[in-house]
PDB file of N, CA and C in Angstrom:
ATOM      1  N   MET A   1      42.945 -21.780   2.665  1.00  0.00           N
ATOM      2  CA  MET A   1      43.077 -20.453   3.473  1.00  0.00           C
ATOM      3  C   MET A   1      42.394 -19.407   2.636  1.00  0.00           C
ATOM      4  N   LYS A   2      42.467 -19.549   1.294  1.00  0.00           N
ATOM      5  CA  LYS A   2      41.781 -18.622   0.491  1.00  0.00           C
ATOM      6  C   LYS A   2      40.257 -18.442   0.931  1.00  0.00           C
ATOM      7  N   GLU A   3      39.451 -19.532   0.984  1.00  0.00           N
ATOM      8  CA  GLU A   3      38.321 -19.398   1.488  1.00  0.00           C
ATOM      9  C   GLU A   3      38.122 -18.702   2.309  1.00  0.00           C
ATOM     10  N   MET A   4      38.998 -18.576   3.433  1.00  0.00           N
ATOM     11  CA  MET A   4      38.476 -18.093   5.186  1.00  0.00           C
ATOM     12  C   MET A   4      38.780 -16.366   4.936  1.00  0.00           C
ATOM     13  N   LYS A   5      39.718 -16.114   3.712  1.00  0.00           N
ATOM     14  CA  LYS A   5      40.102 -14.656   3.309  1.00  0.00           C
ATOM     15  C   LYS A   5      38.977 -14.104   2.857  1.00  0.00           C
ATOM     16  N   ASP A   6      38.398 -14.625   1.865  1.00  0.00           N
ATOM     17  CA  ASP A   6      37.075 -14.335   1.105  1.00  0.00           C
ATOM     18  C   ASP A   6      35.958 -13.798   2.299  1.00  0.00           C
ATOM     19  N   SER A   7      35.821 -15.005   2.891  1.00  0.00           N
ATOM     20  CA  SER A   7      34.736 -14.879   3.811  1.00  0.00           C
ATOM     21  C   SER A   7      35.036 -13.554   4.706  1.00  0.00           C
ATOM     22  N   GLU A   8      36.157 -13.583   5.326  1.00  0.00           N
ATOM     23  CA  GLU A   8      36.269 -12.211   6.160  1.00  0.00           C
ATOM     24  C   GLU A   8      35.973 -10.942   4.897  1.00  0.00           C
ATOM     25  N   TYR A   9      36.256 -10.915   4.022  1.00  0.00           N
ATOM     26  CA  TYR A   9      35.996  -9.751   3.417  1.00  0.00           C
ATOM     27  C   TYR A   9      34.444  -9.609   3.222  1.00  0.00           C
ATOM     28  N   ALA A  10      34.086 -10.619   2.869  1.00  0.00           N
ATOM     29  CA  ALA A  10      32.248 -10.550   2.821  1.00  0.00           C
ATOM     30  C   ALA A  10      31.808 -10.198   3.835  1.00  0.00           C
ATOM     31  N   ASP A  11      31.970 -10.987   5.250  1.00  0.00           N
ATOM     32  CA  ASP A  11      31.719 -10.186   6.298  1.00  0.00           C
ATOM     33  C   ASP A  11      32.049  -8.624   6.553  1.00  0.00           C
ATOM     34  N   ASP A  12      32.975  -8.130   6.258  1.00  0.00           N
ATOM     35  CA  ASP A  12      33.483  -6.461   6.183  1.00  0.00           C
ATOM     36  C   ASP A  12      32.566  -6.106   5.335  1.00  0.00           C
ATOM     37  N   SER A  13      32.369  -6.719   4.317  1.00  0.00           N
ATOM     38  CA  SER A  13      31.181  -5.700   3.042  1.00  0.00           C
ATOM     39  C   SER A  13      30.123  -5.903   3.681  1.00  0.00           C
ATOM     40  N   LEU A  14      29.383  -7.034   4.074  1.00  0.00           N
ATOM     41  CA  LEU A  14      28.003  -6.935   4.787  1.00  0.00           C
ATOM     42  C   LEU A  14      27.720  -5.883   5.983  1.00  0.00           C
ATOM     43  N   GLU A  15      29.129  -5.858   6.868  1.00  0.00           N
ATOM     44  CA  GLU A  15      28.578  -4.801   7.819  1.00  0.00           C
ATOM     45  C   GLU A  15      28.844  -3.737   7.422  1.00  0.00           C
ATOM     46  N   LEU A  16      29.629  -3.166   6.289  1.00  0.00           N
ATOM     47  CA  LEU A  16      29.685  -1.793   5.678  1.00  0.00           C
ATOM     48  C   LEU A  16      28.429  -1.502   4.949  1.00  0.00           C
ATOM     49  N   THR A  17      27.558  -2.558   4.326  1.00  0.00           N
ATOM     50  CA  THR A  17      26.364  -2.291   3.902  1.00  0.00           C
ATOM     51  C   THR A  17      25.306  -1.973   4.992  1.00  0.00           C
ATOM     52  N   ASN A  18      25.234  -3.274   5.940  1.00  0.00           N
ATOM     53  CA  ASN A  18      24.409  -2.795   7.055  1.00  0.00           C
ATOM     54  C   ASN A  18      24.475  -1.256   7.767  1.00  0.00           C
ATOM     55  N   SER A  19      25.741  -0.769   7.936  1.00  0.00           N
ATOM     56  CA  SER A  19      25.915   0.485   8.311  1.00  0.00           C
ATOM     57  C   SER A  19      25.028   1.652   7.681  1.00  0.00           C
ATOM     58  N   TRP A  20      25.576   1.641   6.385  1.00  0.00           N
ATOM     59  CA  TRP A  20      24.918   2.596   5.447  1.00  0.00           C
ATOM     60  C   TRP A  20      23.338   2.765   5.101  1.00  0.00           C
ATOM     61  N   GLU A  21      22.915   1.214   5.263  1.00  0.00           N
ATOM     62  CA  GLU A  21      21.132   0.927   5.345  1.00  0.00           C
ATOM     63  C   GLU A  21      20.820   1.704   6.946  1.00  0.00           C
ATOM     64  N   GLU A  22      21.520   1.268   7.607  1.00  0.00           N
ATOM     65  CA  GLU A  22      20.929   1.934   8.977  1.00  0.00           C
ATOM     66  C   GLU A  22      20.984   3.672   8.956  1.00  0.00           C
ATOM     67  N   ARG A  23      21.767   3.937   8.868  1.00  0.00           N
ATOM     68  CA  ARG A  23      21.771   5.415   8.184  1.00  0.00           C
ATOM     69  C   ARG A  23      21.011   6.195   7.433  1.00  0.00           C
ATOM     70  N   GLY A  24      20.884   5.495   6.036  1.00  0.00           N
ATOM     71  CA  GLY A  24      19.813   5.913   5.418  1.00  0.00           C
ATOM     72  C   GLY A  24      18.405   5.920   6.244  1.00  0.00           C
ATOM     73  N   MET A  25      18.138   4.701   6.975  1.00  0.00           N
ATOM     74  CA  MET A  25      16.804   4.686   7.382  1.00  0.00           C
ATOM     75  C   MET A  25      16.797   5.797   8.492  1.00  0.00           C
ATOM     76  N   LYS A  26      17.890   5.938   9.108  1.00  0.00           N
ATOM     77  CA  LYS A  26      17.501   7.099  10.397  1.00  0.00           C
ATOM     78  C   LYS A  26      17.328   8.524   9.560  1.00  0.00           C
ATOM     79  N   LYS A  27      18.172   8.770   8.658  1.00  0.00           N
ATOM     80  CA  LYS A  27      17.798   9.753   8.074  1.00  0.00           C
ATOM     81  C   LYS A  27      16.491   9.990   7.584  1.00  0.00           C
ATOM     82  N   GLY A  28      15.714   8.979   7.067  1.00  0.00           N
ATOM     83  CA  GLY A  28      14.220   9.024   6.296  1.00  0.00           C
ATOM     84  C   GLY A  28      13.422   9.295   7.765  1.00  0.00           C
ATOM     85  N   LYS A  29      13.835   8.666   8.690  1.00  0.00           N
ATOM     86  CA  LYS A  29      13.232   8.532   9.895  1.00  0.00           C
ATOM     87  C   LYS A  29      12.980  10.075  10.446  1.00  0.00           C
ATOM     88  N   GLU A  30      14.391  10.821  10.503  1.00  0.00           N
ATOM     89  CA  GLU A  30      14.620  12.275  10.612  1.00  0.00           C
ATOM     90  C   GLU A  30      13.914  13.168   9.897  1.00  0.00           C
ATOM     91  N   GLU A  31      13.777  13.125   8.561  1.00  0.00           N
ATOM     92  CA  GLU A  31      13.028  13.723   7.857  1.00  0.00           C
ATOM     93  C   GLU A  31      11.544  13.876   8.172  1.00  0.00           C
ATOM     94  N   VAL A  32      10.874  12.292   8.052  1.00  0.00           N
ATOM     95  CA  VAL A  32       9.446  12.202   8.506  1.00  0.00           C
ATOM     96  C   VAL A  32       9.467  13.165   9.518  1.00  0.00           C
ATOM     97  N   ALA A  33      10.227  13.056  10.679  1.00  0.00           N
ATOM     98  CA  ALA A  33       9.682  13.944  12.430  1.00  0.00           C
ATOM     99  C   ALA A  33      10.092  15.263  11.787  1.00  0.00           C
ATOM    100  N   ILE A  34      10.644  15.560  11.017  1.00  0.00           N
ATOM    101  CA  ILE A  34      10.965  17.145  10.918  1.00  0.00           C
ATOM    102  C   ILE A  34       9.475  17.601  10.107  1.00  0.00           C
ATOM    103  N   GLU A  35       9.103  17.206   9.221  1.00  0.00           N
ATOM    104  CA  GLU A  35       7.950  17.150   8.507  1.00  0.00           C
ATOM    105  C   GLU A  35       6.541  16.845   9.502  1.00  0.00           C
ATOM    106  N   LEU A  36       6.285  16.120  10.136  1.00  0.00           N
ATOM    107  CA  LEU A  36       5.350  15.907  11.185  1.00  0.00           C
ATOM    108  C   LEU A  36       5.416  16.963  12.276  1.00  0.00           C
ATOM    109  N   LEU A  37       6.701  17.460  12.766  1.00  0.00           N
ATOM    110  CA  LEU A  37       7.037  18.419  13.329  1.00  0.00           C
ATOM    111  C   LEU A  37       6.587  19.829  13.315  1.00  0.00           C
ATOM    112  N   LYS A  38       6.598  20.340  11.841  1.00  0.00           N
ATOM    113  CA  LYS A  38       6.412  21.316  11.026  1.00  0.00           C
ATOM    114  C   LYS A  38       4.703  21.606  11.020  1.00  0.00           C
ATOM    115  N   ALA A  39       4.111  20.396  10.660  1.00  0.00           N
ATOM    116  CA  ALA A  39       2.482  20.357  10.612  1.00  0.00           C
ATOM    117  C   ALA A  39       1.958  20.350  12.166  1.00  0.00           C
ATOM    118  N   GLY A  40       2.870  20.433  13.193  1.00  0.00           N
ATOM    119  CA  GLY A  40       2.267  20.748  14.249  1.00  0.00           C
ATOM    120  C   GLY A  40       1.963  19.511  15.162  1.00  0.00           C
ATOM    121  N   SER A  41       2.547  18.237  15.055  1.00  0.00           N
ATOM    122  CA  SER A  41       2.201  16.742  15.540  1.00  0.00           C
ATOM    123  C   SER A  41       3.093  17.334  16.822  1.00  0.00           C
ATOM    124  N   SER A  42       2.826  16.677  17.678  1.00  0.00           N
ATOM    125  CA  SER A  42       3.316  16.640  19.375  1.00  0.00           C
ATOM    126  C   SER A  42       4.738  15.720  19.499  1.00  0.00           C
ATOM    127  N   VAL A  43       5.702  16.065  20.011  1.00  0.00           N
ATOM    128  CA  VAL A  43       6.936  15.366  20.190  1.00  0.00           C
ATOM    129  C   VAL A  43       6.584  13.978  20.492  1.00  0.00           C
ATOM    130  N   ALA A  44       5.385  13.590  21.446  1.00  0.00           N
ATOM    131  CA  ALA A  44       5.142  12.213  21.655  1.00  0.00           C
ATOM    132  C   ALA A  44       4.324  11.626  20.620  1.00  0.00           C
ATOM    133  N   PHE A  45       3.844  12.042  19.711  1.00  0.00           N
ATOM    134  CA  PHE A  45       3.204  11.279  18.384  1.00  0.00           C
ATOM    135  C   PHE A  45       4.530  11.013  17.464  1.00  0.00           C
ATOM    136  N   VAL A  46       5.296  12.380  17.188  1.00  0.00           N
ATOM    137  CA  VAL A  46       6.296  11.808  16.232  1.00  0.00           C
ATOM    138  C   VAL A  46       7.251  10.749  16.762  1.00  0.00           C
ATOM    139  N   ALA A  47       7.590  10.486  17.984  1.00  0.00           N
ATOM    140  CA  ALA A  47       8.015   9.745  18.649  1.00  0.00           C
ATOM    141  C   ALA A  47       7.947   8.078  18.218  1.00  0.00           C
ATOM    142  N   LYS A  48       6.262   8.030  18.555  1.00  0.00           N
ATOM    143  CA  LYS A  48       5.608   6.874  18.391  1.00  0.00           C
ATOM    144  C   LYS A  48       5.730   6.421  17.027  1.00  0.00           C
ATOM    145  N   VAL A  49       5.355   7.442  16.070  1.00  0.00           N
ATOM    146  CA  VAL A  49       5.480   7.179  14.624  1.00  0.00           C
ATOM    147  C   VAL A  49       6.651   6.860  13.961  1.00  0.00           C
ATOM    148  N   THR A  50       7.702   7.493  14.293  1.00  0.00           N
ATOM    149  CA  THR A  50       9.086   7.374  13.770  1.00  0.00           C
ATOM    150  C   THR A  50       9.748   6.010  14.692  1.00  0.00           C
ATOM    151  N   ARG A  51       9.186   5.992  15.709  1.00  0.00           N
ATOM    152  CA  ARG A  51      10.256   5.096  16.756  1.00  0.00           C
ATOM    153  C   ARG A  51      11.825   6.045  17.220  1.00  0.00           C
ATOM    154  N   LEU A  52      11.944   7.263  17.028  1.00  0.00           N
ATOM    155  CA  LEU A  52      13.079   7.857  17.345  1.00  0.00           C
ATOM    156  C   LEU A  52      12.713   8.088  18.950  1.00  0.00           C
ATOM    157  N   SER A  53      13.883   8.318  19.551  1.00  0.00           N
ATOM    158  CA  SER A  53      13.675   8.738  21.088  1.00  0.00           C
ATOM    159  C   SER A  53      12.847  10.334  21.037  1.00  0.00           C
ATOM    160  N   GLN A  54      12.341  10.549  22.172  1.00  0.00           N
ATOM    161  CA  GLN A  54      11.982  11.746  22.648  1.00  0.00           C
ATOM    162  C   GLN A  54      12.974  12.899  22.497  1.00  0.00           C
ATOM    163  N   LYS A  55      14.137  12.298  22.810  1.00  0.00           N
ATOM    164  CA  LYS A  55      14.927  13.392  22.776  1.00  0.00           C
ATOM    165  C   LYS A  55      15.485  13.650  21.543  1.00  0.00           C
ATOM    166  N   GLU A  56      15.699  12.722  20.984  1.00  0.00           N
ATOM    167  CA  GLU A  56      16.167  12.823  19.338  1.00  0.00           C
ATOM    168  C   GLU A  56      15.040  14.333  18.762  1.00  0.00           C
ATOM    169  N   ILE A  57      13.763  13.630  18.927  1.00  0.00           N
ATOM    170  CA  ILE A  57      12.732  14.650  18.131  1.00  0.00           C
ATOM    171  C   ILE A  57      13.357  15.963  18.898  1.00  0.00           C
ATOM    172  N   GLU A  58      13.203  16.128  19.858  1.00  0.00           N
ATOM    173  CA  GLU A  58      13.671  17.599  20.724  1.00  0.00           C
ATOM    174  C   GLU A  58      14.827  18.175  20.271  1.00  0.00           C
ATOM    175  N   GLU A  59      15.646  17.319  19.677  1.00  0.00           N
ATOM    176  CA  GLU A  59      16.875  18.149  19.318  1.00  0.00           C
ATOM    177  C   GLU A  59      16.487  18.262  17.731  1.00  0.00           C
ATOM    178  N   LEU A  60      15.954  17.715  17.021  1.00  0.00           N
ATOM    179  CA  LEU A  60      15.274  17.946  15.562  1.00  0.00           C
ATOM    180  C   LEU A  60      14.407  19.165  15.800  1.00  0.00           C
ATOM    181  N   ARG A  61      13.445  19.414  16.489  1.00  0.00           N
ATOM    182  CA  ARG A  61      13.013  20.271  16.803  1.00  0.00           C
ATOM    183  C   ARG A  61      13.340  21.650  16.997  1.00  0.00           C
ATOM    184  N   LYS A  62      14.570  21.797  17.698  1.00  0.00           N
ATOM    185  CA  LYS A  62      15.432  22.516  17.879  1.00  0.00           C
ATOM    186  C   LYS A  62      15.986  23.299  16.586  1.00  0.00           C
ATOM    187  N   SER A  63      16.157  22.638  15.744  1.00  0.00           N
ATOM    188  CA  SER A  63      16.682  22.794  14.424  1.00  0.00           C
ATOM    189  C   SER A  63      16.210  23.725  13.672  1.00  0.00           C
ATOM    190  N   LEU A  64      14.894  23.613  13.758  1.00  0.00           N
ATOM    191  CA  LEU A  64      13.835  24.225  13.028  1.00  0.00           C
ATOM    192  C   LEU A  64      14.048  25.629  12.928  1.00  0.00           C
TER     193      LEU A  64
END
């Protein structure tokens, strides 16, 4: 029974780690996107490079 409980905690911990990792990667992509937009790159180009959606890029551009 204890092994099963430890395994459940490990799964929860792994999910939490993956969640933080995904957030960090998205934040990094957004920072790159902002710099590309500031440099005059098109929304389509930024979306292609960062793999963010064009909608996400447009929202970032509005915040500049």
